[in-house]
């Protein structure tokens, strides 16, 4: 598999740069819009011109899909499934630089700049992700009678979680943006891979046994996963 990029101009004159994957098993050109990001794939033998022509034909559909995507007000961040307004203060308290206040997240950056605020906010979110996810993982690991030799947190663009052949589990720390029940589904999903390293019927039966509403939570990620990000900070 190789990845290239193709530029597309939508009917509204917005310009997009789409990742283009050449897949050996692909039989047709295919465009998808997931988490607010369009992607295109094709068999390796398909020319760039053919892919560009296909995307041009699909440009109105791509724009319609992007128009459906929910957006948040300025300086608003999703935290545990709920929108929170970001409040910035220049004074530096002795105890907490960042804290949650009902529906606000208050940030006291070292420097009142977008870079400083973003860095501070993401460090805080990573700590919060560990605080949220570790107890859930420990609970379900016991219930499912599996061991997790290693747990890591990363900002992975294409995955919410993964389980290696050695049993190590990696979770996307941006799950802290999602509702707790959605985070729980992802954790159960990865723990199920400690028993079934595939997506067979037995695997999904195990997921459903420990997370009966997993289809709803998986659907939330497909519809709203694009909200699980740090917003562009406007000062």
Protein backbone atom coordinates (compact mmCIF):
# COMPACT_ATOMS: atom_id res chain seq x y z
CA UNK A 1 0.00 0.00 0.00
CA UNK A 2 1.28 3.46 -0.89
CA UNK A 3 -0.15 6.89 -0.14
CA UNK A 4 -0.10 10.00 -2.29
CA UNK A 5 -2.22 13.17 -2.26
CA UNK A 6 -4.63 14.73 -4.74
CA UNK A 7 -5.96 18.29 -4.77
CA UNK A 8 -9.66 18.80 -5.40
CA UNK A 9 -11.68 22.02 -5.77
CA UNK A 10 -15.27 21.69 -4.56
CA UNK A 11 -18.26 23.45 -6.17
CA UNK A 12 -18.10 26.11 -3.43
CA UNK A 13 -14.46 26.78 -4.49
CA UNK A 14 -13.02 25.26 -1.32
CA UNK A 15 -9.76 23.44 -2.05
CA UNK A 16 -9.08 20.09 -0.40
CA UNK A 17 -6.00 17.88 -0.33
CA UNK A 18 -7.11 14.25 -0.13
CA UNK A 19 -4.92 11.30 0.87
CA UNK A 20 -4.85 8.82 -2.02
CA UNK A 21 -4.13 5.21 -1.10
CA UNK A 22 -3.24 2.62 -3.72
CA UNK A 23 -4.51 -0.70 -2.43
CA UNK A 24 -3.55 -4.01 -3.99
CA UNK A 25 -6.93 -5.56 -3.13
CA UNK A 26 -9.01 -2.63 -4.35
CA UNK A 27 -11.15 -3.25 -7.42
CA UNK A 28 -12.57 0.24 -7.91
CA UNK A 29 -11.87 3.88 -7.09
CA UNK A 30 -13.58 4.73 -3.80
CA UNK A 31 -14.01 7.99 -1.91
CA UNK A 32 -15.07 8.15 1.74
CA UNK A 33 -15.67 10.95 4.25
CA UNK A 34 -14.83 9.91 7.80
CA UNK A 35 -14.45 12.21 10.81
CA UNK A 36 -14.75 15.17 8.48
CA UNK A 37 -11.84 14.05 6.29
CA UNK A 38 -12.35 12.88 2.69
CA UNK A 39 -10.08 10.08 1.47
CA UNK A 40 -9.76 8.27 -1.84
CA UNK A 41 -8.42 4.80 -2.66
CA UNK A 42 -7.88 2.88 -5.89
CA UNK A 43 -6.14 -0.14 -7.41
CA UNK A 44 -2.40 0.54 -8.00
CA UNK A 45 -2.85 0.47 -11.77
CA UNK A 46 -5.33 3.38 -11.88
CA UNK A 47 -3.80 6.63 -13.15
CA UNK A 48 -3.83 9.96 -11.34
CA UNK A 49 -5.90 11.43 -14.16
CA UNK A 50 -8.60 8.77 -13.66
CA UNK A 51 -8.74 9.41 -9.93
CA UNK A 52 -8.91 13.17 -10.45
CA UNK A 53 -11.77 12.73 -12.95
CA UNK A 54 -13.61 10.46 -10.51
CA UNK A 55 -13.23 12.97 -7.67
CA UNK A 56 -14.46 15.78 -9.87
CA UNK A 57 -17.60 13.77 -10.61
CA UNK A 58 -18.05 13.15 -6.88
CA UNK A 59 -17.22 16.70 -5.74
CA UNK A 60 -20.84 17.72 -5.14
CA UNK A 61 -21.41 14.60 -3.01
CA UNK A 62 -18.21 15.25 -1.04
CA UNK A 63 -19.30 18.82 -0.37
CA UNK A 64 -22.75 17.65 0.77
CA UNK A 65 -21.15 15.22 3.22
CA UNK A 66 -18.87 17.92 4.61
CA UNK A 67 -21.85 20.27 4.99
CA UNK A 68 -23.53 17.73 7.28
CA UNK A 69 -20.62 17.76 9.69
CA UNK A 70 -21.37 19.30 13.03
CA UNK A 71 -19.15 22.20 14.03
CA UNK A 72 -18.56 23.86 17.38
CA UNK A 73 -18.56 27.54 18.34
CA UNK A 74 -15.25 29.37 18.58
CA UNK A 75 -12.94 28.23 21.41
CA UNK A 76 -15.20 25.32 22.31
CA UNK A 77 -13.85 21.89 23.17
CA UNK A 78 -15.59 18.55 23.53
CA UNK A 79 -14.79 16.98 26.90
CA UNK A 80 -16.35 13.66 27.93
CA UNK A 81 -19.01 14.11 25.28
CA UNK A 82 -20.11 17.63 26.21
CA UNK A 83 -19.09 20.99 24.69
CA UNK A 84 -17.07 23.20 27.04
CA UNK A 85 -16.21 26.84 26.48
CA UNK A 86 -12.50 27.64 26.85
CA UNK A 87 -11.75 30.57 29.16
CA UNK A 88 -8.26 32.09 29.20
CA UNK A 89 -6.69 33.98 32.13
CA UNK A 90 -3.27 35.62 32.10
CA UNK A 91 -2.66 35.23 35.85
CA UNK A 92 -0.90 32.03 36.93
CA UNK A 93 -2.40 30.31 39.99
CA UNK A 94 -0.25 28.37 42.43
CA UNK A 95 -2.22 25.13 42.19
CA UNK A 96 -3.92 24.44 38.85
CA UNK A 97 -3.13 25.93 35.45
CA UNK A 98 -6.16 24.21 33.89
CA UNK A 99 -9.40 23.07 35.47
CA UNK A 100 -12.98 22.32 34.56
CA UNK A 101 -15.66 24.65 35.89
CA UNK A 102 -19.12 23.18 35.13
CA UNK A 103 -19.39 23.84 31.37
CA UNK A 104 -16.13 25.79 31.06
CA UNK A 105 -12.49 24.77 30.92
CA UNK A 106 -10.33 27.50 32.41
CA UNK A 107 -6.77 27.80 31.13
CA UNK A 108 -3.95 29.81 32.73
CA UNK A 109 -1.19 29.52 30.09
CA UNK A 110 2.43 30.39 30.80
CA UNK A 111 2.28 32.79 27.86
CA UNK A 112 -0.95 34.18 26.44
CA UNK A 113 -0.40 32.78 22.96
CA UNK A 114 -2.17 30.20 20.81
CA UNK A 115 0.83 27.84 20.93
CA UNK A 116 1.17 28.03 24.70
CA UNK A 117 -2.55 27.51 25.24
CA UNK A 118 -2.70 24.57 22.83
CA UNK A 119 0.34 22.88 24.41
CA UNK A 120 -0.96 23.34 27.95
CA UNK A 121 -4.42 22.16 26.99
CA UNK A 122 -3.19 19.01 25.24
CA UNK A 123 -0.91 18.06 28.14
CA UNK A 124 -3.91 18.39 30.45
CA UNK A 125 -6.12 16.34 28.13
CA UNK A 126 -3.56 13.53 28.01
CA UNK A 127 -3.48 13.39 31.80
CA UNK A 128 -7.28 13.41 31.90
CA UNK A 129 -7.38 10.57 29.34
CA UNK A 130 -5.27 8.39 31.61
CA UNK A 131 -7.44 9.27 34.60
CA UNK A 132 -10.58 8.31 32.67
CA UNK A 133 -9.36 5.24 30.78
CA UNK A 134 -7.20 3.33 33.25
CA UNK A 135 -9.99 2.48 35.76
CA UNK A 136 -12.31 1.44 32.90
CA UNK A 137 -9.63 -0.80 31.41
CA UNK A 138 -8.79 -2.37 34.77
CA UNK A 139 -12.47 -3.11 35.46
CA UNK A 140 -13.16 -4.76 32.13
CA UNK A 141 -9.84 -6.63 32.08
CA UNK A 142 -10.95 -8.34 35.29
CA UNK A 143 -14.47 -8.99 33.97
CA UNK A 144 -13.12 -10.42 30.71
CA UNK A 145 -10.33 -12.35 32.48
CA UNK A 146 -7.51 -10.92 30.36
CA UNK A 147 -4.16 -9.35 31.17
CA UNK A 148 -2.73 -6.20 29.61
CA UNK A 149 1.08 -6.23 29.74
CA UNK A 150 1.35 -2.63 28.58
CA UNK A 151 -0.96 0.36 28.10
CA UNK A 152 0.09 3.33 25.98
CA UNK A 153 -1.59 6.57 24.97
CA UNK A 154 -0.97 8.21 21.61
CA UNK A 155 -2.62 10.69 19.27
CA UNK A 156 -3.24 8.27 16.41
CA UNK A 157 -5.03 9.87 13.47
CA UNK A 158 -6.72 6.80 12.04
CA UNK A 159 -7.39 4.61 15.09
CA UNK A 160 -9.09 4.97 18.43
CA UNK A 161 -7.23 1.97 19.80
CA UNK A 162 -5.15 -1.05 18.91
CA UNK A 163 -3.95 -4.29 20.44
CA UNK A 164 -0.57 -5.73 19.42
CA UNK A 165 0.32 -9.39 19.04
CA UNK A 166 2.06 -9.18 22.44
CA UNK A 167 -1.12 -7.92 24.10
CA UNK A 168 -0.03 -4.31 24.52
CA UNK A 169 -2.94 -1.92 24.11
CA UNK A 170 -2.66 1.57 22.67
CA UNK A 171 -5.49 4.05 23.18
CA UNK A 172 -5.96 7.36 21.44
CA UNK A 173 -5.86 9.93 24.23
CA UNK A 174 -8.41 11.98 22.29
CA UNK A 175 -11.02 9.54 23.58
CA UNK A 176 -11.22 11.97 26.50
CA UNK A 177 -13.30 14.16 24.17
CA UNK A 178 -15.91 11.41 23.71
CA UNK A 179 -18.71 10.34 26.07
CA UNK A 180 -17.57 7.89 28.74
CA UNK A 181 -19.72 5.10 27.31
CA UNK A 182 -18.04 5.54 23.91
CA UNK A 183 -14.60 5.38 25.54
CA UNK A 184 -15.73 2.25 27.35
CA UNK A 185 -16.74 0.62 24.05
CA UNK A 186 -13.30 1.26 22.53
CA UNK A 187 -11.60 -0.23 25.58
CA UNK A 188 -13.82 -3.34 25.52
CA UNK A 189 -13.13 -3.65 21.78
CA UNK A 190 -9.37 -3.70 22.33
CA UNK A 191 -9.59 -6.05 25.32
CA UNK A 192 -11.62 -8.46 23.18
CA UNK A 193 -8.62 -8.64 20.87
CA UNK A 194 -6.70 -10.23 23.74
CA UNK A 195 -8.93 -13.26 23.09
CA UNK A 196 -9.76 -12.93 19.39
CA UNK A 197 -7.12 -11.22 17.22
CA UNK A 198 -9.64 -10.69 14.44
CA UNK A 199 -13.11 -9.28 13.81
CA UNK A 200 -14.92 -12.60 13.61
CA UNK A 201 -18.44 -13.29 14.85
CA UNK A 202 -16.94 -14.63 18.08
CA UNK A 203 -15.10 -11.36 18.54
CA UNK A 204 -18.21 -9.21 18.10
CA UNK A 205 -20.25 -11.55 20.31
CA UNK A 206 -17.67 -11.01 23.06
CA UNK A 207 -17.77 -7.24 22.59
CA UNK A 208 -21.57 -7.30 22.77
CA UNK A 209 -21.51 -9.45 25.91
CA UNK A 210 -19.49 -6.80 27.74
CA UNK A 211 -20.85 -3.74 25.91
CA UNK A 212 -24.42 -4.48 24.70
CA UNK A 213 -24.89 -1.03 23.10
CA UNK A 214 -21.59 -1.07 21.24
CA UNK A 215 -23.27 -0.38 17.88
CA UNK A 216 -24.60 2.95 19.19
CA UNK A 217 -21.19 3.94 20.55
CA UNK A 218 -19.40 2.89 17.37
CA UNK A 219 -21.92 5.00 15.45
CA UNK A 220 -21.17 8.02 17.66
CA UNK A 221 -17.51 7.82 16.67
CA UNK A 222 -18.38 7.62 12.99
CA UNK A 223 -20.72 10.63 13.20
CA UNK A 224 -18.95 12.82 15.74
CA UNK A 225 -15.35 11.61 15.85
CA UNK A 226 -14.24 14.79 14.05
CA UNK A 227 -15.13 16.70 17.23
CA UNK A 228 -12.50 14.79 19.19
CA UNK A 229 -9.76 17.33 18.61
CA UNK A 230 -8.19 20.46 20.01
CA UNK A 231 -9.93 23.48 18.47
CA UNK A 232 -8.08 26.27 16.78
CA UNK A 233 -7.49 28.82 19.53
CA UNK A 234 -8.75 32.34 18.79
CA UNK A 235 -7.49 35.14 21.06
